[in-house]
Amino acid sequence: MLLSVVRLCALALNLLLPVVSHAQAKPVEIVVASFAPYLQPDANGMPNGPIMDLTALLFADLQQAQRVREVPPARAFQRLLNGKAMLTIAAAGNPGLTAIAQQGKEPLLSLTLNIYRQPGTPAIQTLADLAGKRVIFVAAYSYGDAEMRIMHNQPPTQRINANTHESALNMLMHNRADYLLDYAEPLREHLEKIPAGSLAADLVAETKMHWYLSRKYPDPHLLDRLDSAIRARTADGSISRLFPTKQ
């Protein structure tokens, strides 16, 4: 009788093993918006840049298959919401994402958030200085805590949306607003195309970017494993070598 039970258990285990192996082999889908120079399409339209290298490095450490898809922010949100994608990268404290995803503890990288202005426009010391001012935002991006603080300004800050970093810069240059709130990294290539001294920049914050894991992912411990991998790769310098230090 005991031998029969052992044989039945062994048979059940053998039936389950292929299922487990398949689950482990299935790639984790990661959706990230284009963010030059860290992630942008190459000549063939495929996502390319240091974010791809970082993701490959961390998931190799985890021995977990992954697939990165470059999609617009709204589509990334939708895929996380319905469980078709499992991970994205966004600014810490993103209020829209925290409702549908869990934020990792360890930052992946830090981005420089600036207020851009024409030289004759008063400098910005704090975000409260934007009260009553016309400020351009790139509509597809989240600016974390800075965006929330601006929303509480009195008199209200007038928000003017731009579709791209380039169009936002052009709007500022043509006096369609007083200031532009934007990250230094994706704007840098556009600033290099205009005459030196055309704009000034006031540092607002260093924004930390984190993993966000869909609450529909069956293994929430994936975030803990990613955090451990980030700590190890930060300590050995692997992450800092992937990203340019020019500000």
C-alpha atoms as a PDB file:
ATOM      1  CA  MET A   1       0.000   0.000   0.000  1.00  0.00           C
ATOM      2  CA  LEU A   2       2.778   2.417   0.972  1.00  0.00           C
ATOM      3  CA  LEU A   3       4.620   1.620  -2.272  1.00  0.00           C
ATOM      4  CA  SER A   4       1.488   2.426  -4.295  1.00  0.00           C
ATOM      5  CA  VAL A   5       1.132   5.806  -2.575  1.00  0.00           C
ATOM      6  CA  VAL A   6       4.787   6.611  -3.291  1.00  0.00           C
ATOM      7  CA  ARG A   7       4.316   5.684  -6.957  1.00  0.00           C
ATOM      8  CA  LEU A   8       1.189   7.884  -7.198  1.00  0.00           C
ATOM      9  CA  CYS A   9       3.050  10.829  -5.650  1.00  0.00           C
ATOM     10  CA  ALA A  10       5.943  10.349  -8.064  1.00  0.00           C
ATOM     11  CA  LEU A  11       3.531  10.231 -11.009  1.00  0.00           C
ATOM     12  CA  ALA A  12       1.805  13.441  -9.864  1.00  0.00           C
ATOM     13  CA  LEU A  13       5.169  15.166  -9.481  1.00  0.00           C
ATOM     14  CA  ASN A  14       6.214  14.138 -12.975  1.00  0.00           C
ATOM     15  CA  LEU A  15       2.989  15.558 -14.375  1.00  0.00           C
ATOM     16  CA  LEU A  16       3.518  18.863 -12.582  1.00  0.00           C
ATOM     17  CA  LEU A  17       7.172  19.354 -13.498  1.00  0.00           C
ATOM     18  CA  PRO A  18       6.592  20.353 -17.152  1.00  0.00           C
ATOM     19  CA  VAL A  19       4.027  22.932 -16.025  1.00  0.00           C
ATOM     20  CA  VAL A  20       6.453  24.458 -13.520  1.00  0.00           C
ATOM     21  CA  SER A  21       9.266  24.476 -16.054  1.00  0.00           C
ATOM     22  CA  HIS A  22       7.017  26.197 -18.602  1.00  0.00           C
ATOM     23  CA  ALA A  23       6.030  28.874 -16.075  1.00  0.00           C
ATOM     24  CA  GLN A  24       9.653  29.549 -15.223  1.00  0.00           C
ATOM     25  CA  ALA A  25      10.587  29.721 -18.915  1.00  0.00           C
ATOM     26  CA  LYS A  26       7.812  32.189 -19.824  1.00  0.00           C
ATOM     27  CA  PRO A  27       9.405  35.650 -20.194  1.00  0.00           C
ATOM     28  CA  VAL A  28       8.315  38.456 -17.895  1.00  0.00           C
ATOM     29  CA  GLU A  29       6.978  41.252 -20.115  1.00  0.00           C
ATOM     30  CA  ILE A  30       8.396  44.691 -19.297  1.00  0.00           C
ATOM     31  CA  VAL A  31       6.787  47.785 -20.832  1.00  0.00           C
ATOM     32  CA  VAL A  32       8.753  51.036 -20.907  1.00  0.00           C
ATOM     33  CA  ALA A  33       8.108  54.333 -22.676  1.00  0.00           C
ATOM     34  CA  SER A  34      10.758  55.682 -25.036  1.00  0.00           C
ATOM     35  CA  PHE A  35      13.152  57.853 -23.051  1.00  0.00           C
ATOM     36  CA  ALA A  36      16.196  59.073 -24.938  1.00  0.00           C
ATOM     37  CA  PRO A  37      19.057  58.483 -24.522  1.00  0.00           C
ATOM     38  CA  TYR A  38      18.333  55.581 -22.165  1.00  0.00           C
ATOM     39  CA  LEU A  39      15.679  53.814 -24.247  1.00  0.00           C
ATOM     40  CA  GLN A  40      14.777  54.609 -27.836  1.00  0.00           C
ATOM     41  CA  PRO A  41      14.076  52.715 -31.068  1.00  0.00           C
ATOM     42  CA  ASP A  42      17.064  51.739 -33.195  1.00  0.00           C
ATOM     43  CA  ALA A  43      17.206  51.832 -37.015  1.00  0.00           C
ATOM     44  CA  ASN A  44      15.020  48.723 -37.149  1.00  0.00           C
ATOM     45  CA  GLY A  45      12.446  50.083 -34.697  1.00  0.00           C
ATOM     46  CA  MET A  46      13.617  47.827 -31.874  1.00  0.00           C
ATOM     47  CA  PRO A  47      14.109  49.206 -28.334  1.00  0.00           C
ATOM     48  CA  ASN A  48      17.752  50.031 -27.667  1.00  0.00           C
ATOM     49  CA  GLY A  49      19.842  51.732 -24.999  1.00  0.00           C
ATOM     50  CA  PRO A  50      21.209  51.313 -21.447  1.00  0.00           C
ATOM     51  CA  ILE A  51      17.786  50.362 -20.044  1.00  0.00           C
ATOM     52  CA  MET A  52      17.892  47.264 -22.240  1.00  0.00           C
ATOM     53  CA  ASP A  53      21.387  46.429 -20.982  1.00  0.00           C
ATOM     54  CA  LEU A  54      20.385  46.975 -17.343  1.00  0.00           C
ATOM     55  CA  THR A  55      17.281  44.819 -17.672  1.00  0.00           C
ATOM     56  CA  ALA A  56      19.261  42.016 -19.315  1.00  0.00           C
ATOM     57  CA  LEU A  57      21.890  42.194 -16.551  1.00  0.00           C
ATOM     58  CA  LEU A  58      19.431  42.066 -13.653  1.00  0.00           C
ATOM     59  CA  PHE A  59      17.290  39.292 -15.093  1.00  0.00           C
ATOM     60  CA  ALA A  60      20.372  37.236 -15.929  1.00  0.00           C
ATOM     61  CA  ASP A  61      21.256  37.483 -12.234  1.00  0.00           C
ATOM     62  CA  LEU A  62      17.750  36.229 -11.419  1.00  0.00           C
ATOM     63  CA  GLN A  63      17.964  33.512 -14.097  1.00  0.00           C
ATOM     64  CA  GLN A  64      14.573  34.721 -15.278  1.00  0.00           C
ATOM     65  CA  ALA A  65      13.575  35.243 -18.912  1.00  0.00           C
ATOM     66  CA  GLN A  66      12.319  38.719 -19.820  1.00  0.00           C
ATOM     67  CA  ARG A  67      11.108  40.721 -22.806  1.00  0.00           C
ATOM     68  CA  VAL A  68      11.108  44.532 -23.074  1.00  0.00           C
ATOM     69  CA  ARG A  69       8.482  46.304 -25.149  1.00  0.00           C
ATOM     70  CA  GLU A  70       8.751  50.022 -25.897  1.00  0.00           C
ATOM     71  CA  VAL A  71       5.208  51.431 -25.810  1.00  0.00           C
ATOM     72  CA  PRO A  72       3.520  54.796 -25.110  1.00  0.00           C
ATOM     73  CA  PRO A  73       2.906  55.487 -21.369  1.00  0.00           C
ATOM     74  CA  ALA A  74      -0.875  55.108 -21.648  1.00  0.00           C
ATOM     75  CA  ARG A  75      -0.504  51.694 -23.279  1.00  0.00           C
ATOM     76  CA  ALA A  76       2.046  50.620 -20.670  1.00  0.00           C
ATOM     77  CA  PHE A  77      -0.450  51.512 -17.935  1.00  0.00           C
ATOM     78  CA  GLN A  78      -3.213  49.537 -19.667  1.00  0.00           C
ATOM     79  CA  ARG A  79      -1.070  46.424 -20.106  1.00  0.00           C
ATOM     80  CA  LEU A  80      -0.117  46.509 -16.417  1.00  0.00           C
ATOM     81  CA  LEU A  81      -3.739  47.017 -15.434  1.00  0.00           C
ATOM     82  CA  ASN A  82      -5.016  44.013 -17.375  1.00  0.00           C
ATOM     83  CA  GLY A  83      -2.070  41.794 -16.451  1.00  0.00           C
ATOM     84  CA  LYS A  84      -0.637  41.429 -19.960  1.00  0.00           C
ATOM     85  CA  ALA A  85       2.593  43.105 -18.803  1.00  0.00           C
ATOM     86  CA  MET A  86       4.199  42.705 -15.405  1.00  0.00           C
ATOM     87  CA  LEU A  87       6.830  45.422 -14.978  1.00  0.00           C
ATOM     88  CA  THR A  88       7.542  49.003 -15.895  1.00  0.00           C
ATOM     89  CA  ILE A  89       9.989  51.724 -14.813  1.00  0.00           C
ATOM     90  CA  ALA A  90       8.717  55.081 -13.540  1.00  0.00           C
ATOM     91  CA  ALA A  91       9.382  57.885 -11.066  1.00  0.00           C
ATOM     92  CA  ALA A  92       9.066  57.070  -7.375  1.00  0.00           C
ATOM     93  CA  GLY A  93       5.660  57.757  -5.868  1.00  0.00           C
ATOM     94  CA  ASN A  94       3.775  57.720  -9.157  1.00  0.00           C
ATOM     95  CA  PRO A  95       0.145  58.025  -7.965  1.00  0.00           C
ATOM     96  CA  GLY A  96      -1.373  56.409 -11.047  1.00  0.00           C
ATOM     97  CA  LEU A  97       0.861  53.361 -10.957  1.00  0.00           C
ATOM     98  CA  THR A  98       0.738  52.696  -7.204  1.00  0.00           C
ATOM     99  CA  ALA A  99      -2.962  51.875  -7.541  1.00  0.00           C
ATOM    100  CA  ILE A 100      -2.233  48.969  -9.895  1.00  0.00           C
ATOM    101  CA  ALA A 101       1.402  48.080  -9.189  1.00  0.00           C
ATOM    102  CA  GLN A 102       3.842  47.731  -6.317  1.00  0.00           C
ATOM    103  CA  GLN A 103       6.939  49.944  -6.308  1.00  0.00           C
ATOM    104  CA  GLY A 104      10.364  48.423  -5.721  1.00  0.00           C
ATOM    105  CA  LYS A 105      12.507  49.740  -2.860  1.00  0.00           C
ATOM    106  CA  GLU A 106      15.791  50.214  -4.725  1.00  0.00           C
ATOM    107  CA  PRO A 107      16.151  52.988  -7.344  1.00  0.00           C
ATOM    108  CA  LEU A 108      17.452  51.933 -10.743  1.00  0.00           C
ATOM    109  CA  LEU A 109      18.782  55.345 -11.725  1.00  0.00           C
ATOM    110  CA  SER A 110      18.405  59.026 -10.966  1.00  0.00           C
ATOM    111  CA  LEU A 111      17.153  61.642 -13.446  1.00  0.00           C
ATOM    112  CA  THR A 112      17.703  65.396 -13.313  1.00  0.00           C
ATOM    113  CA  LEU A 113      14.477  67.415 -13.289  1.00  0.00           C
ATOM    114  CA  ASN A 114      14.893  71.054 -14.328  1.00  0.00           C
ATOM    115  CA  ILE A 115      12.878  74.197 -14.902  1.00  0.00           C
ATOM    116  CA  TYR A 116      13.943  75.761 -18.211  1.00  0.00           C
ATOM    117  CA  ARG A 117      13.462  79.467 -18.974  1.00  0.00           C
ATOM    118  CA  GLN A 118      14.673  82.223 -21.217  1.00  0.00           C
ATOM    119  CA  PRO A 119      17.565  84.219 -19.682  1.00  0.00           C
ATOM    120  CA  GLY A 120      15.409  87.291 -18.905  1.00  0.00           C
ATOM    121  CA  THR A 121      12.820  85.263 -16.978  1.00  0.00           C
ATOM    122  CA  PRO A 122      13.215  85.164 -13.157  1.00  0.00           C
ATOM    123  CA  ALA A 123      14.978  82.104 -11.774  1.00  0.00           C
ATOM    124  CA  ILE A 124      12.979  79.495  -9.880  1.00  0.00           C
ATOM    125  CA  GLN A 125      14.131  78.824  -6.321  1.00  0.00           C
ATOM    126  CA  THR A 126      11.218  76.587  -5.255  1.00  0.00           C
ATOM    127  CA  LEU A 127       8.242  75.080  -7.052  1.00  0.00           C
ATOM    128  CA  ALA A 128       6.018  77.549  -5.204  1.00  0.00           C
ATOM    129  CA  ASP A 129       7.624  80.243  -7.409  1.00  0.00           C
ATOM    130  CA  LEU A 130       5.618  78.784 -10.307  1.00  0.00           C
ATOM    131  CA  ALA A 131       2.327  79.940  -8.772  1.00  0.00           C
ATOM    132  CA  GLY A 132       0.366  81.867 -11.379  1.00  0.00           C
ATOM    133  CA  LYS A 133       2.929  81.089 -14.107  1.00  0.00           C
ATOM    134  CA  ARG A 134       2.454  79.328 -17.457  1.00  0.00           C
ATOM    135  CA  VAL A 135       4.420  76.064 -17.360  1.00  0.00           C
ATOM    136  CA  ILE A 136       4.904  73.535 -20.150  1.00  0.00           C
ATOM    137  CA  PHE A 137       4.742  69.818 -19.295  1.00  0.00           C
ATOM    138  CA  VAL A 138       5.451  66.926 -21.659  1.00  0.00           C
ATOM    139  CA  ALA A 139       2.058  65.249 -21.434  1.00  0.00           C
ATOM    140  CA  ALA A 140       3.214  61.623 -21.619  1.00  0.00           C
ATOM    141  CA  TYR A 141       5.559  61.835 -18.622  1.00  0.00           C
ATOM    142  CA  SER A 142       5.140  61.766 -14.858  1.00  0.00           C
ATOM    143  CA  TYR A 143       7.201  64.132 -12.732  1.00  0.00           C
ATOM    144  CA  GLY A 144       6.500  62.455  -9.411  1.00  0.00           C
ATOM    145  CA  ASP A 145       6.331  64.581  -6.262  1.00  0.00           C
ATOM    146  CA  ALA A 146       7.254  67.784  -8.143  1.00  0.00           C
ATOM    147  CA  GLU A 147       4.110  67.568 -10.257  1.00  0.00           C
ATOM    148  CA  MET A 148       1.921  67.040  -7.186  1.00  0.00           C
ATOM    149  CA  ARG A 149       3.455  70.035  -5.402  1.00  0.00           C
ATOM    150  CA  ILE A 150       2.862  72.294  -8.399  1.00  0.00           C
ATOM    151  CA  MET A 151      -0.817  71.299  -8.404  1.00  0.00           C
ATOM    152  CA  HIS A 152      -1.207  72.889  -4.951  1.00  0.00           C
ATOM    153  CA  ASN A 153       0.174  76.291  -5.975  1.00  0.00           C
ATOM    154  CA  GLN A 154      -1.945  79.361  -5.327  1.00  0.00           C
ATOM    155  CA  PRO A 155      -2.730  81.117  -7.546  1.00  0.00           C
ATOM    156  CA  PRO A 156      -2.783  77.969  -9.700  1.00  0.00           C
ATOM    157  CA  THR A 157       0.018  77.226 -12.107  1.00  0.00           C
ATOM    158  CA  GLN A 158      -1.305  77.187 -15.663  1.00  0.00           C
ATOM    159  CA  ARG A 159      -0.375  73.839 -17.193  1.00  0.00           C
ATOM    160  CA  ILE A 160       0.343  73.780 -20.933  1.00  0.00           C
ATOM    161  CA  ASN A 161       0.813  70.307 -22.432  1.00  0.00           C
ATOM    162  CA  ALA A 162       3.256  69.429 -25.199  1.00  0.00           C
ATOM    163  CA  ASN A 163       3.340  66.118 -27.044  1.00  0.00           C
ATOM    164  CA  THR A 164       7.126  65.759 -27.228  1.00  0.00           C
ATOM    165  CA  HIS A 165      10.283  67.192 -25.660  1.00  0.00           C
ATOM    166  CA  GLU A 166      11.128  68.914 -28.935  1.00  0.00           C
ATOM    167  CA  SER A 167       7.731  70.579 -29.253  1.00  0.00           C
ATOM    168  CA  ALA A 168       7.906  71.655 -25.588  1.00  0.00           C
ATOM    169  CA  LEU A 169      11.263  73.314 -26.221  1.00  0.00           C
ATOM    170  CA  ASN A 170       9.942  75.079 -29.324  1.00  0.00           C
ATOM    171  CA  MET A 171       6.958  76.389 -27.374  1.00  0.00           C
ATOM    172  CA  LEU A 172       9.244  77.885 -24.738  1.00  0.00           C
ATOM    173  CA  MET A 173      11.533  79.431 -27.357  1.00  0.00           C
ATOM    174  CA  HIS A 174       8.506  81.089 -29.025  1.00  0.00           C
ATOM    175  CA  ASN A 175       7.221  82.596 -25.742  1.00  0.00           C
ATOM    176  CA  ARG A 176       4.125  80.411 -25.510  1.00  0.00           C
ATOM    177  CA  ALA A 177       4.848  79.865 -21.816  1.00  0.00           C
ATOM    178  CA  ASP A 178       7.035  81.213 -19.022  1.00  0.00           C
ATOM    179  CA  TYR A 179       8.767  77.969 -18.042  1.00  0.00           C
ATOM    180  CA  LEU A 180       9.268  74.354 -19.086  1.00  0.00           C
ATOM    181  CA  LEU A 181       9.400  71.485 -16.585  1.00  0.00           C
ATOM    182  CA  ASP A 182      11.374  68.594 -18.057  1.00  0.00           C
ATOM    183  CA  TYR A 183      14.020  65.966 -17.463  1.00  0.00           C
ATOM    184  CA  ALA A 184      17.531  66.952 -18.532  1.00  0.00           C
ATOM    185  CA  GLU A 185      18.386  63.604 -20.133  1.00  0.00           C
ATOM    186  CA  PRO A 186      15.821  63.395 -22.986  1.00  0.00           C
ATOM    187  CA  LEU A 187      15.951  67.156 -23.576  1.00  0.00           C
ATOM    188  CA  ARG A 188      19.750  67.270 -23.893  1.00  0.00           C
ATOM    189  CA  GLU A 189      19.934  66.258 -27.572  1.00  0.00           C
ATOM    190  CA  HIS A 190      17.416  68.995 -28.473  1.00  0.00           C
ATOM    191  CA  LEU A 191      19.225  71.659 -26.435  1.00  0.00           C
ATOM    192  CA  GLU A 192      22.420  70.905 -28.353  1.00  0.00           C
ATOM    193  CA  LYS A 193      20.685  72.074 -31.550  1.00  0.00           C
ATOM    194  CA  ILE A 194      19.961  75.608 -30.314  1.00  0.00           C
ATOM    195  CA  PRO A 195      22.514  78.431 -29.773  1.00  0.00           C
ATOM    196  CA  ALA A 196      24.415  78.284 -26.491  1.00  0.00           C
ATOM    197  CA  GLY A 197      22.962  80.600 -23.857  1.00  0.00           C
ATOM    198  CA  SER A 198      19.472  80.606 -25.377  1.00  0.00           C
ATOM    199  CA  LEU A 199      17.986  79.047 -22.239  1.00  0.00           C
ATOM    200  CA  ALA A 200      18.812  78.790 -18.553  1.00  0.00           C
ATOM    201  CA  ALA A 201      18.009  75.832 -16.292  1.00  0.00           C
ATOM    202  CA  ASP A 202      17.133  75.723 -12.598  1.00  0.00           C
ATOM    203  CA  LEU A 203      17.501  72.371 -10.845  1.00  0.00           C
ATOM    204  CA  VAL A 204      14.247  71.161  -9.289  1.00  0.00           C
ATOM    205  CA  ALA A 205      15.052  67.646  -8.091  1.00  0.00           C
ATOM    206  CA  GLU A 206      16.915  64.418  -8.673  1.00  0.00           C
ATOM    207  CA  THR A 207      14.094  62.010  -9.460  1.00  0.00           C
ATOM    208  CA  LYS A 208      14.597  58.339  -8.621  1.00  0.00           C
ATOM    209  CA  MET A 209      13.285  55.756 -11.082  1.00  0.00           C
ATOM    210  CA  HIS A 210      12.007  52.429  -9.734  1.00  0.00           C
ATOM    211  CA  TRP A 211      10.548  49.141 -10.879  1.00  0.00           C
ATOM    212  CA  TYR A 212       6.759  48.833 -10.648  1.00  0.00           C
ATOM    213  CA  LEU A 213       5.365  45.284 -10.549  1.00  0.00           C
ATOM    214  CA  SER A 214       1.745  44.660 -11.576  1.00  0.00           C
ATOM    215  CA  ARG A 215      -0.377  43.535  -8.644  1.00  0.00           C
ATOM    216  CA  LYS A 216      -1.655  40.774 -10.923  1.00  0.00           C
ATOM    217  CA  TYR A 217       1.758  39.104 -11.106  1.00  0.00           C
ATOM    218  CA  PRO A 218       1.501  35.806  -9.183  1.00  0.00           C
ATOM    219  CA  ASP A 219       4.908  36.136  -7.467  1.00  0.00           C
ATOM    220  CA  PRO A 220       5.276  39.450  -5.559  1.00  0.00           C
ATOM    221  CA  HIS A 221       8.701  38.267  -4.345  1.00  0.00           C
ATOM    222  CA  LEU A 222      10.051  39.123  -7.803  1.00  0.00           C
ATOM    223  CA  LEU A 223      10.443  42.712  -6.551  1.00  0.00           C
ATOM    224  CA  ASP A 224      12.497  41.550  -3.552  1.00  0.00           C
ATOM    225  CA  ARG A 225      14.761  39.563  -5.867  1.00  0.00           C
ATOM    226  CA  LEU A 226      15.141  42.537  -8.195  1.00  0.00           C
ATOM    227  CA  ASP A 227      15.960  44.815  -5.257  1.00  0.00           C
ATOM    228  CA  SER A 228      18.681  42.390  -4.156  1.00  0.00           C
ATOM    229  CA  ALA A 229      20.116  42.270  -7.680  1.00  0.00           C
ATOM    230  CA  ILE A 230      20.092  46.085  -7.891  1.00  0.00           C
ATOM    231  CA  ARG A 231      21.944  46.388  -4.566  1.00  0.00           C
ATOM    232  CA  ALA A 232      24.584  43.931  -5.726  1.00  0.00           C
ATOM    233  CA  ARG A 233      25.058  45.606  -9.124  1.00  0.00           C
ATOM    234  CA  THR A 234      25.142  49.060  -7.546  1.00  0.00           C
ATOM    235  CA  ALA A 235      27.843  47.904  -5.154  1.00  0.00           C
ATOM    236  CA  ASP A 236      30.049  46.463  -7.910  1.00  0.00           C
ATOM    237  CA  GLY A 237      29.606  49.558 -10.127  1.00  0.00           C
ATOM    238  CA  SER A 238      27.810  47.754 -12.961  1.00  0.00           C
ATOM    239  CA  ILE A 239      24.807  50.095 -12.961  1.00  0.00           C
ATOM    240  CA  SER A 240      26.767  53.358 -12.837  1.00  0.00           C
ATOM    241  CA  ARG A 241      28.825  52.217 -15.840  1.00  0.00           C
ATOM    242  CA  LEU A 242      25.691  51.804 -17.951  1.00  0.00           C
ATOM    243  CA  PHE A 243      24.495  55.407 -17.703  1.00  0.00           C
ATOM    244  CA  PRO A 244      26.169  58.659 -18.783  1.00  0.00           C
ATOM    245  CA  THR A 245      27.125  61.022 -15.971  1.00  0.00           C
ATOM    246  CA  LYS A 246      26.913  64.222 -18.027  1.00  0.00           C
ATOM    247  CA  GLN A 247      24.280  66.600 -16.645  1.00  0.00           C
END
